[in-house]
Amino acid sequence: MRADYRNANFLTIVRIAAALEIDPGELVRGIGVDSLPERRHQLTASELLRERERRAEH
């Protein structure tokens, strides 16, 4: 069974790894939270979802 992935960045990493005949993890080894760009939004996705749920309860 094939997974239905919709993340183009993920698919690109997997395809590059396949072409290089390596594990995709090798391409992202060492990349962590410190590698992310500065946050552009005031809320995180989880904060936004919590607020939506809170408002829906009222």
N, C-alpha and C. Protein backbone atom coordinates (compact mmCIF):
# COMPACT_ATOMS: atom_id res chain seq x y z
N MET A 1 0.85 -1.18 0.00
CA MET A 1 0.00 0.00 0.00
C MET A 1 0.89 1.24 0.00
N ARG A 2 0.61 2.16 -0.89
CA ARG A 2 1.38 3.41 -0.97
C ARG A 2 0.70 4.48 -0.14
N ALA A 3 1.52 5.27 0.53
CA ALA A 3 0.97 6.38 1.31
C ALA A 3 0.62 7.52 0.36
N ASP A 4 -0.39 8.28 0.71
CA ASP A 4 -0.81 9.43 -0.09
C ASP A 4 -0.23 10.70 0.54
N TYR A 5 1.01 10.99 0.25
CA TYR A 5 1.68 12.16 0.83
C TYR A 5 1.34 13.39 0.03
N ARG A 6 1.08 14.49 0.72
CA ARG A 6 0.73 15.74 0.05
C ARG A 6 1.73 16.86 0.35
N ASN A 7 2.85 16.50 0.96
CA ASN A 7 3.86 17.49 1.30
C ASN A 7 4.95 17.45 0.24
N ALA A 8 4.98 18.46 -0.61
CA ALA A 8 5.94 18.48 -1.73
C ALA A 8 7.38 18.48 -1.25
N ASN A 9 7.67 19.16 -0.16
CA ASN A 9 9.05 19.19 0.35
C ASN A 9 9.49 17.80 0.79
N PHE A 10 8.60 17.10 1.48
CA PHE A 10 8.89 15.74 1.92
C PHE A 10 9.13 14.83 0.73
N LEU A 11 8.25 14.92 -0.26
CA LEU A 11 8.40 14.08 -1.45
C LEU A 11 9.72 14.36 -2.16
N THR A 12 10.10 15.62 -2.22
CA THR A 12 11.36 15.98 -2.88
C THR A 12 12.54 15.35 -2.15
N ILE A 13 12.54 15.42 -0.83
CA ILE A 13 13.63 14.82 -0.05
C ILE A 13 13.69 13.32 -0.29
N VAL A 14 12.54 12.66 -0.30
CA VAL A 14 12.51 11.21 -0.52
C VAL A 14 13.00 10.88 -1.93
N ARG A 15 12.59 11.65 -2.91
CA ARG A 15 13.03 11.38 -4.30
C ARG A 15 14.53 11.60 -4.47
N ILE A 16 15.06 12.65 -3.87
CA ILE A 16 16.51 12.90 -3.95
C ILE A 16 17.26 11.75 -3.28
N ALA A 17 16.78 11.34 -2.11
CA ALA A 17 17.43 10.23 -1.40
C ALA A 17 17.39 8.95 -2.23
N ALA A 18 16.26 8.70 -2.88
CA ALA A 18 16.15 7.51 -3.73
C ALA A 18 17.15 7.57 -4.88
N ALA A 19 17.28 8.74 -5.48
CA ALA A 19 18.22 8.89 -6.59
C ALA A 19 19.67 8.69 -6.13
N LEU A 20 19.94 9.11 -4.90
CA LEU A 20 21.29 8.95 -4.34
C LEU A 20 21.49 7.59 -3.67
N GLU A 21 20.39 6.81 -3.60
CA GLU A 21 20.40 5.51 -2.95
C GLU A 21 20.86 5.61 -1.50
N ILE A 22 20.27 6.56 -0.78
CA ILE A 22 20.54 6.74 0.64
C ILE A 22 19.22 6.88 1.39
N ASP A 23 19.28 6.75 2.69
CA ASP A 23 18.11 6.94 3.53
C ASP A 23 17.77 8.43 3.56
N PRO A 24 16.50 8.81 3.44
CA PRO A 24 16.13 10.23 3.48
C PRO A 24 16.60 10.94 4.75
N GLY A 25 16.71 10.21 5.83
CA GLY A 25 17.19 10.79 7.08
C GLY A 25 18.59 11.37 6.98
N GLU A 26 19.39 10.81 6.08
CA GLU A 26 20.75 11.33 5.88
C GLU A 26 20.72 12.78 5.39
N LEU A 27 19.70 13.14 4.63
CA LEU A 27 19.62 14.49 4.07
C LEU A 27 19.18 15.54 5.09
N VAL A 28 18.57 15.08 6.16
CA VAL A 28 18.09 16.04 7.16
C VAL A 28 18.79 15.88 8.51
N ARG A 29 19.77 15.01 8.57
CA ARG A 29 20.50 14.80 9.83
C ARG A 29 21.12 16.12 10.28
N GLY A 30 20.91 16.43 11.55
CA GLY A 30 21.48 17.64 12.12
C GLY A 30 20.59 18.86 12.00
N ILE A 31 19.49 18.74 11.26
CA ILE A 31 18.56 19.85 11.13
C ILE A 31 17.56 19.75 12.27
N GLY A 32 17.45 20.81 13.04
CA GLY A 32 16.52 20.81 14.16
C GLY A 32 15.81 22.14 14.28
N VAL A 33 15.21 22.36 15.41
CA VAL A 33 14.44 23.58 15.65
C VAL A 33 15.30 24.83 15.42
N ASP A 34 16.57 24.77 15.79
CA ASP A 34 17.45 25.92 15.62
C ASP A 34 17.68 26.27 14.14
N SER A 35 17.38 25.33 13.26
CA SER A 35 17.56 25.56 11.82
C SER A 35 16.36 26.24 11.17
N LEU A 36 15.25 26.31 11.90
CA LEU A 36 14.04 26.92 11.34
C LEU A 36 14.20 28.43 11.24
N PRO A 37 13.56 29.03 10.24
CA PRO A 37 13.59 30.50 10.15
C PRO A 37 12.77 31.11 11.27
N GLU A 38 12.97 32.38 11.50
CA GLU A 38 12.22 33.07 12.53
C GLU A 38 10.73 32.99 12.25
N ARG A 39 9.95 32.87 13.31
CA ARG A 39 8.50 32.76 13.16
C ARG A 39 7.93 34.08 12.65
N ARG A 40 7.07 34.00 11.63
CA ARG A 40 6.47 35.21 11.05
C ARG A 40 5.11 35.52 11.63
N HIS A 41 4.52 34.56 12.32
CA HIS A 41 3.18 34.75 12.85
C HIS A 41 3.23 34.94 14.36
N GLN A 42 2.23 35.61 14.90
CA GLN A 42 2.20 35.83 16.33
C GLN A 42 1.78 34.58 17.09
N LEU A 43 0.99 33.72 16.45
CA LEU A 43 0.51 32.50 17.08
C LEU A 43 1.12 31.29 16.39
N THR A 44 1.33 30.24 17.17
CA THR A 44 1.72 28.98 16.56
C THR A 44 0.45 28.30 16.04
N ALA A 45 0.60 27.30 15.21
CA ALA A 45 -0.56 26.56 14.69
C ALA A 45 -1.35 25.94 15.83
N SER A 46 -0.66 25.37 16.82
CA SER A 46 -1.38 24.75 17.93
C SER A 46 -2.12 25.78 18.75
N GLU A 47 -1.56 26.96 18.94
CA GLU A 47 -2.26 28.03 19.66
C GLU A 47 -3.52 28.46 18.90
N LEU A 48 -3.42 28.57 17.60
CA LEU A 48 -4.56 28.95 16.78
C LEU A 48 -5.67 27.90 16.88
N LEU A 49 -5.30 26.62 16.78
CA LEU A 49 -6.30 25.56 16.88
C LEU A 49 -6.96 25.54 18.26
N ARG A 50 -6.18 25.73 19.31
CA ARG A 50 -6.76 25.78 20.66
C ARG A 50 -7.76 26.92 20.78
N GLU A 51 -7.41 28.08 20.23
CA GLU A 51 -8.31 29.23 20.30
C GLU A 51 -9.59 28.97 19.50
N ARG A 52 -9.46 28.34 18.34
CA ARG A 52 -10.65 28.00 17.55
C ARG A 52 -11.56 27.06 18.34
N GLU A 53 -10.96 26.05 18.98
CA GLU A 53 -11.75 25.11 19.77
C GLU A 53 -12.42 25.83 20.94
N ARG A 54 -11.69 26.71 21.60
CA ARG A 54 -12.23 27.44 22.73
C ARG A 54 -13.43 28.29 22.31
N ARG A 55 -13.31 28.96 21.17
CA ARG A 55 -14.41 29.79 20.68
C ARG A 55 -15.60 28.97 20.23
N ALA A 56 -15.34 27.78 19.71
CA ALA A 56 -16.43 26.92 19.24
C ALA A 56 -17.24 26.38 20.43
N GLU A 57 -16.63 26.28 21.59
CA GLU A 57 -17.31 25.78 22.78
C GLU A 57 -18.31 26.79 23.32
N HIS A 58 -18.14 28.04 22.98
CA HIS A 58 -19.02 29.09 23.54
C HIS A 58 -20.17 29.41 22.64
